Amino acid sequence: MKSQHIPGVFVIGAMATVLTACNPPTPIALVATPDAIRTEIESSKAPLTLVHAWATWCGPCREEFPELVDIQKAFSKKGLRLILVSADEPSDVETVETFLSEQGSPIDSLVSTELSQEFIETLSPKWAGSLPASFFYVDGKLVEEWEGKRTYEQYAKTIETHINNKE
């Protein structure tokens, strides 16, 4: 599948993928600048947006990924929007797409054009840059962040807390 490069700003919902029972679409990797990633976060209309930074070459990221697929499936209808941001090289979009497909990911992933201080500060000025990392946003504002691998139960508890506090 040919990957897409979307410079600058994303169309709201460009990453949204509808999962059908008989023929799920193949997820794609979209190369994005830090500004485009920021715009995607700020434009989210979901009660809670979880931005997850990961990479195909990161062992803990690969181990944790099935948990994220399950979280997406369990909480997307309850108000969660998951945005995946890969730290793989932009030239490795096919590797990212293959990984997403193998994992049964129901959503696409952004691939950052750069792994710079600007990219790090796009997600959080406190982030040291280690992977995996998860960032929880309500109304475009960062409310919680984690570095390192987590369990399904840890994600579920945090998501439920933030979604319930929003109601």
Foldseek 3Di string as FASTA:
>chain_A
DDAEEDEAADDACPWDFDQDDPDQDQAFEYEYELNRVLNNLLPDPFQKEKEKEEEPVDPLRLVQVLLVQVCCVVCVVVGYHYAYEYQDAPVCRVVVSVSCVVSVRNTYYYYYNDQDCSNVVSQNNPDPSAPTKMFMDGNSHTDDIDHTHDGSVVVVVVVVVSSVVSD
